[in-house]
Structure formats: C-alpha cells, structure tokens
Amino acid sequence: MPILENIKAAEEKAEKLRQDAHKEVEDLLVRTRNKAKEQATKIVADAKKEALKNDQATLDLMNKLEKENLEKIEKEKEALSKLTQQNQEVGVKYILKRVVEI
C-alpha cells in the first residue's frame, strides 16, 4: 500500500505544481499586460506632447512669416504711394504746361 500512497501523493504534488504554475503564468500575463499598457500610455502621452510642441513651433513660424509679409506689403504700399505722388506731380505739371501753351 505504501506504493499507492506514494503515487497518490506524487499525483497530488504534481497537481499542486500545475496549479501553482498556472497561477504564476496568469499573474505574469497580468503584470505583462499592465506594463505594456503603461508603456503604451506613456508613448502616446509623449507623442501628444511632441505634437503640441510641433504645433506651437508651426504657429510661431506662421506668425513670424505673417509679420514679415505684412511689413513687406507696407513697404510696397509706401513705395507705390510715393511713386503715385511723383507721377501725379508730373501729370499736374504737364497739364498746367499744356493749359498755359493754349
């Protein structure tokens, strides 16, 4: 009988080892999933921060270019205004000259 008892004890021990191993695998799987989720969350958060930083850099560049373009437009307007005034003076002199000649 001690052989049967030894077999039964060995089977019980093997079943306990299987259950322990199964529990350990489940625990490891849960820890691995949680760690992967934490890493994914961190990666997404970092990507969002980088995207916001890039958005701000783009807005800053757009504002700088807008300011430069407005300054160029203002200079061109001033140059055209001066040119128009000069042409107007020339035109008035020409008209007065023609009127005096008549």
N, C-alpha and C. Protein backbone atom coordinates (compact mmCIF):
# COMPACT_ATOMS: atom_id res chain seq x y z
N MET A 1 0.79 -1.19 0.00
CA MET A 1 0.00 0.00 0.00
C MET A 1 0.84 1.27 0.00
N PRO A 2 1.98 1.26 0.56
CA PRO A 2 2.75 2.48 0.54
C PRO A 2 3.04 2.94 -0.89
N ILE A 3 3.07 2.03 -1.86
CA ILE A 3 3.32 2.43 -3.25
C ILE A 3 2.15 3.24 -3.76
N LEU A 4 0.91 2.78 -3.49
CA LEU A 4 -0.28 3.51 -3.93
C LEU A 4 -0.34 4.88 -3.24
N GLU A 5 0.00 4.91 -1.99
CA GLU A 5 0.01 6.18 -1.27
C GLU A 5 1.07 7.13 -1.83
N ASN A 6 2.23 6.55 -2.19
CA ASN A 6 3.28 7.36 -2.81
C ASN A 6 2.84 7.91 -4.16
N ILE A 7 2.15 7.08 -4.95
CA ILE A 7 1.65 7.51 -6.27
C ILE A 7 0.62 8.62 -6.09
N LYS A 8 -0.33 8.40 -5.15
CA LYS A 8 -1.37 9.41 -4.90
C LYS A 8 -0.73 10.71 -4.41
N ALA A 9 0.25 10.63 -3.55
CA ALA A 9 0.93 11.82 -3.04
C ALA A 9 1.67 12.52 -4.18
N ALA A 10 2.30 11.73 -5.05
CA ALA A 10 3.02 12.32 -6.19
C ALA A 10 2.04 13.00 -7.14
N GLU A 11 0.87 12.38 -7.38
CA GLU A 11 -0.15 12.98 -8.25
C GLU A 11 -0.67 14.29 -7.64
N GLU A 12 -0.91 14.27 -6.32
CA GLU A 12 -1.38 15.48 -5.65
C GLU A 12 -0.33 16.59 -5.73
N LYS A 13 0.92 16.18 -5.54
CA LYS A 13 2.01 17.15 -5.62
C LYS A 13 2.12 17.71 -7.04
N ALA A 14 1.98 16.84 -8.05
CA ALA A 14 2.05 17.28 -9.45
C ALA A 14 0.89 18.23 -9.76
N GLU A 15 -0.31 17.89 -9.26
CA GLU A 15 -1.48 18.77 -9.48
C GLU A 15 -1.26 20.13 -8.83
N LYS A 16 -0.70 20.13 -7.62
CA LYS A 16 -0.42 21.38 -6.92
C LYS A 16 0.61 22.20 -7.70
N LEU A 17 1.65 21.52 -8.23
CA LEU A 17 2.66 22.21 -9.04
C LEU A 17 2.03 22.80 -10.31
N ARG A 18 1.12 22.05 -10.96
CA ARG A 18 0.44 22.55 -12.16
C ARG A 18 -0.40 23.78 -11.82
N GLN A 19 -1.14 23.72 -10.72
CA GLN A 19 -1.98 24.85 -10.31
C GLN A 19 -1.12 26.07 -9.98
N ASP A 20 -0.02 25.83 -9.27
CA ASP A 20 0.88 26.93 -8.94
C ASP A 20 1.49 27.54 -10.20
N ALA A 21 1.88 26.68 -11.13
CA ALA A 21 2.46 27.16 -12.38
C ALA A 21 1.42 27.94 -13.19
N HIS A 22 0.19 27.43 -13.23
CA HIS A 22 -0.88 28.10 -13.96
C HIS A 22 -1.15 29.49 -13.35
N LYS A 23 -1.20 29.54 -12.00
CA LYS A 23 -1.42 30.83 -11.32
C LYS A 23 -0.26 31.78 -11.60
N GLU A 24 0.95 31.26 -11.57
CA GLU A 24 2.12 32.09 -11.82
C GLU A 24 2.09 32.65 -13.25
N VAL A 25 1.69 31.82 -14.20
CA VAL A 25 1.59 32.28 -15.60
C VAL A 25 0.52 33.35 -15.73
N GLU A 26 -0.63 33.14 -15.08
CA GLU A 26 -1.69 34.15 -15.14
C GLU A 26 -1.23 35.46 -14.52
N ASP A 27 -0.55 35.38 -13.39
CA ASP A 27 -0.03 36.59 -12.74
C ASP A 27 0.99 37.30 -13.64
N LEU A 28 1.86 36.53 -14.24
CA LEU A 28 2.85 37.09 -15.15
C LEU A 28 2.18 37.75 -16.34
N LEU A 29 1.14 37.11 -16.87
CA LEU A 29 0.40 37.68 -18.00
C LEU A 29 -0.25 39.00 -17.62
N VAL A 30 -0.85 39.05 -16.44
CA VAL A 30 -1.48 40.28 -15.97
C VAL A 30 -0.43 41.38 -15.80
N ARG A 31 0.70 41.05 -15.18
CA ARG A 31 1.76 42.06 -14.99
C ARG A 31 2.29 42.54 -16.34
N THR A 32 2.46 41.61 -17.27
CA THR A 32 2.97 41.98 -18.59
C THR A 32 1.98 42.89 -19.32
N ARG A 33 0.70 42.55 -19.25
CA ARG A 33 -0.32 43.41 -19.89
C ARG A 33 -0.33 44.80 -19.27
N ASN A 34 -0.27 44.85 -17.94
CA ASN A 34 -0.27 46.15 -17.26
C ASN A 34 0.96 46.98 -17.64
N LYS A 35 2.11 46.32 -17.68
CA LYS A 35 3.34 47.03 -18.04
C LYS A 35 3.26 47.53 -19.48
N ALA A 36 2.75 46.69 -20.37
CA ALA A 36 2.61 47.11 -21.78
C ALA A 36 1.63 48.27 -21.90
N LYS A 37 0.55 48.22 -21.13
CA LYS A 37 -0.43 49.30 -21.16
C LYS A 37 0.19 50.60 -20.66
N GLU A 38 0.97 50.52 -19.57
CA GLU A 38 1.64 51.71 -19.03
C GLU A 38 2.62 52.28 -20.05
N GLN A 39 3.37 51.41 -20.70
CA GLN A 39 4.33 51.87 -21.70
C GLN A 39 3.61 52.52 -22.88
N ALA A 40 2.52 51.90 -23.32
CA ALA A 40 1.77 52.45 -24.45
C ALA A 40 1.18 53.82 -24.07
N THR A 41 0.67 53.93 -22.85
CA THR A 41 0.11 55.21 -22.39
C THR A 41 1.20 56.28 -22.36
N LYS A 42 2.38 55.91 -21.88
CA LYS A 42 3.49 56.87 -21.84
C LYS A 42 3.90 57.28 -23.24
N ILE A 43 3.97 56.33 -24.15
CA ILE A 43 4.35 56.64 -25.54
C ILE A 43 3.34 57.57 -26.17
N VAL A 44 2.05 57.31 -25.95
CA VAL A 44 1.00 58.17 -26.50
C VAL A 44 1.10 59.57 -25.89
N ALA A 45 1.32 59.65 -24.58
CA ALA A 45 1.43 60.95 -23.92
C ALA A 45 2.63 61.73 -24.46
N ASP A 46 3.76 61.03 -24.63
CA ASP A 46 4.95 61.68 -25.18
C ASP A 46 4.70 62.16 -26.61
N ALA A 47 4.00 61.34 -27.39
CA ALA A 47 3.70 61.73 -28.77
C ALA A 47 2.78 62.96 -28.80
N LYS A 48 1.83 63.00 -27.88
CA LYS A 48 0.93 64.17 -27.82
C LYS A 48 1.72 65.43 -27.44
N LYS A 49 2.64 65.29 -26.47
CA LYS A 49 3.47 66.44 -26.08
C LYS A 49 4.29 66.93 -27.27
N GLU A 50 4.87 65.99 -27.99
CA GLU A 50 5.70 66.34 -29.15
C GLU A 50 4.84 67.00 -30.23
N ALA A 51 3.63 66.49 -30.43
CA ALA A 51 2.74 67.08 -31.43
C ALA A 51 2.36 68.50 -31.04
N LEU A 52 2.08 68.72 -29.75
CA LEU A 52 1.75 70.08 -29.29
C LEU A 52 2.93 71.01 -29.46
N LYS A 53 4.12 70.49 -29.17
CA LYS A 53 5.33 71.30 -29.34
C LYS A 53 5.52 71.67 -30.81
N ASN A 54 5.31 70.69 -31.69
CA ASN A 54 5.44 70.96 -33.12
C ASN A 54 4.36 71.92 -33.61
N ASP A 55 3.14 71.78 -33.08
CA ASP A 55 2.07 72.71 -33.44
C ASP A 55 2.44 74.13 -33.04
N GLN A 56 2.99 74.29 -31.84
CA GLN A 56 3.36 75.62 -31.38
C GLN A 56 4.49 76.19 -32.23
N ALA A 57 5.45 75.35 -32.58
CA ALA A 57 6.56 75.82 -33.43
C ALA A 57 6.02 76.25 -34.79
N THR A 58 5.07 75.50 -35.33
CA THR A 58 4.47 75.85 -36.62
C THR A 58 3.72 77.17 -36.52
N LEU A 59 2.95 77.34 -35.44
CA LEU A 59 2.22 78.60 -35.25
C LEU A 59 3.17 79.78 -35.10
N ASP A 60 4.25 79.58 -34.37
CA ASP A 60 5.23 80.64 -34.20
C ASP A 60 5.84 81.02 -35.55
N LEU A 61 6.17 80.03 -36.35
CA LEU A 61 6.73 80.30 -37.68
C LEU A 61 5.72 81.01 -38.56
N MET A 62 4.47 80.57 -38.51
CA MET A 62 3.42 81.22 -39.31
C MET A 62 3.26 82.68 -38.90
N ASN A 63 3.27 82.94 -37.59
CA ASN A 63 3.14 84.32 -37.11
C ASN A 63 4.33 85.18 -37.55
N LYS A 64 5.52 84.59 -37.50
CA LYS A 64 6.72 85.32 -37.93
C LYS A 64 6.62 85.64 -39.42
N LEU A 65 6.22 84.65 -40.22
CA LEU A 65 6.10 84.88 -41.67
C LEU A 65 5.00 85.89 -41.98
N GLU A 66 3.91 85.83 -41.23
CA GLU A 66 2.83 86.80 -41.44
C GLU A 66 3.34 88.22 -41.15
N LYS A 67 4.07 88.38 -40.06
CA LYS A 67 4.60 89.69 -39.70
C LYS A 67 5.55 90.19 -40.78
N GLU A 68 6.44 89.31 -41.26
CA GLU A 68 7.38 89.70 -42.31
C GLU A 68 6.63 90.10 -43.58
N ASN A 69 5.60 89.33 -43.95
CA ASN A 69 4.84 89.65 -45.16
C ASN A 69 4.09 90.97 -45.01
N LEU A 70 3.53 91.20 -43.84
CA LEU A 70 2.82 92.47 -43.63
C LEU A 70 3.79 93.65 -43.71
N GLU A 71 4.99 93.47 -43.18
CA GLU A 71 5.99 94.53 -43.27
C GLU A 71 6.38 94.79 -44.73
N LYS A 72 6.56 93.72 -45.51
CA LYS A 72 6.88 93.87 -46.94
C LYS A 72 5.75 94.57 -47.68
N ILE A 73 4.52 94.19 -47.37
CA ILE A 73 3.36 94.81 -48.02
C ILE A 73 3.32 96.30 -47.69
N GLU A 74 3.56 96.63 -46.43
CA GLU A 74 3.54 98.04 -46.02
C GLU A 74 4.62 98.84 -46.75
N LYS A 75 5.81 98.25 -46.88
CA LYS A 75 6.89 98.94 -47.60
C LYS A 75 6.51 99.13 -49.06
N GLU A 76 5.92 98.12 -49.66
CA GLU A 76 5.50 98.23 -51.07
C GLU A 76 4.40 99.28 -51.23
N LYS A 77 3.49 99.33 -50.27
CA LYS A 77 2.43 100.34 -50.33
C LYS A 77 3.03 101.75 -50.25
N GLU A 78 4.01 101.93 -49.36
CA GLU A 78 4.66 103.23 -49.23
C GLU A 78 5.39 103.60 -50.52
N ALA A 79 6.08 102.62 -51.11
CA ALA A 79 6.80 102.89 -52.35
C ALA A 79 5.82 103.25 -53.46
N LEU A 80 4.70 102.53 -53.55
CA LEU A 80 3.70 102.84 -54.57
C LEU A 80 3.07 104.21 -54.33
N SER A 81 2.85 104.54 -53.07
CA SER A 81 2.28 105.84 -52.74
C SER A 81 3.22 106.96 -53.18
N LYS A 82 4.52 106.81 -52.91
CA LYS A 82 5.50 107.81 -53.33
C LYS A 82 5.53 107.92 -54.85
N LEU A 83 5.52 106.77 -55.50
CA LEU A 83 5.55 106.77 -56.97
C LEU A 83 4.29 107.42 -57.53
N THR A 84 3.16 107.14 -56.92
CA THR A 84 1.90 107.76 -57.37
C THR A 84 1.95 109.27 -57.18
N GLN A 85 2.48 109.71 -56.06
CA GLN A 85 2.57 111.14 -55.80
C GLN A 85 3.50 111.81 -56.81
N GLN A 86 4.63 111.16 -57.11
CA GLN A 86 5.56 111.71 -58.10
C GLN A 86 4.89 111.80 -59.47
N ASN A 87 4.20 110.73 -59.86
CA ASN A 87 3.52 110.73 -61.15
C ASN A 87 2.41 111.78 -61.20
N GLN A 88 1.76 111.97 -60.08
CA GLN A 88 0.69 112.97 -60.02
C GLN A 88 1.30 114.37 -60.21
N GLU A 89 2.42 114.64 -59.58
CA GLU A 89 3.08 115.93 -59.72
C GLU A 89 3.51 116.15 -61.16
N VAL A 90 4.06 115.11 -61.78
CA VAL A 90 4.47 115.21 -63.18
C VAL A 90 3.25 115.46 -64.06
N GLY A 91 2.17 114.75 -63.76
CA GLY A 91 0.94 114.92 -64.55
C GLY A 91 0.37 116.32 -64.42
N VAL A 92 0.35 116.84 -63.20
CA VAL A 92 -0.18 118.19 -62.97
C VAL A 92 0.68 119.22 -63.69
N LYS A 93 2.01 119.06 -63.62
CA LYS A 93 2.90 119.99 -64.32
C LYS A 93 2.67 119.94 -65.82
N TYR A 94 2.49 118.72 -66.35
CA TYR A 94 2.26 118.56 -67.78
C TYR A 94 0.95 119.23 -68.19
N ILE A 95 -0.10 119.00 -67.40
CA ILE A 95 -1.41 119.59 -67.72
C ILE A 95 -1.32 121.12 -67.64
N LEU A 96 -0.68 121.64 -66.60
CA LEU A 96 -0.55 123.10 -66.47
C LEU A 96 0.27 123.68 -67.63
N LYS A 97 1.29 122.96 -68.02
CA LYS A 97 2.12 123.41 -69.14
C LYS A 97 1.26 123.47 -70.42
N ARG A 98 0.44 122.46 -70.62
CA ARG A 98 -0.39 122.41 -71.83
C ARG A 98 -1.45 123.51 -71.78
N VAL A 99 -1.99 123.76 -70.58
CA VAL A 99 -3.00 124.77 -70.45
C VAL A 99 -2.39 126.15 -70.72
N VAL A 100 -1.19 126.38 -70.23
CA VAL A 100 -0.53 127.66 -70.42
C VAL A 100 -0.20 127.83 -71.90
N GLU A 101 0.16 126.78 -72.58
CA GLU A 101 0.50 126.86 -74.00
C GLU A 101 -0.72 127.23 -74.83
N ILE A 102 -1.88 126.83 -74.42
CA ILE A 102 -3.10 127.07 -75.20
C ILE A 102 -3.51 128.46 -75.03
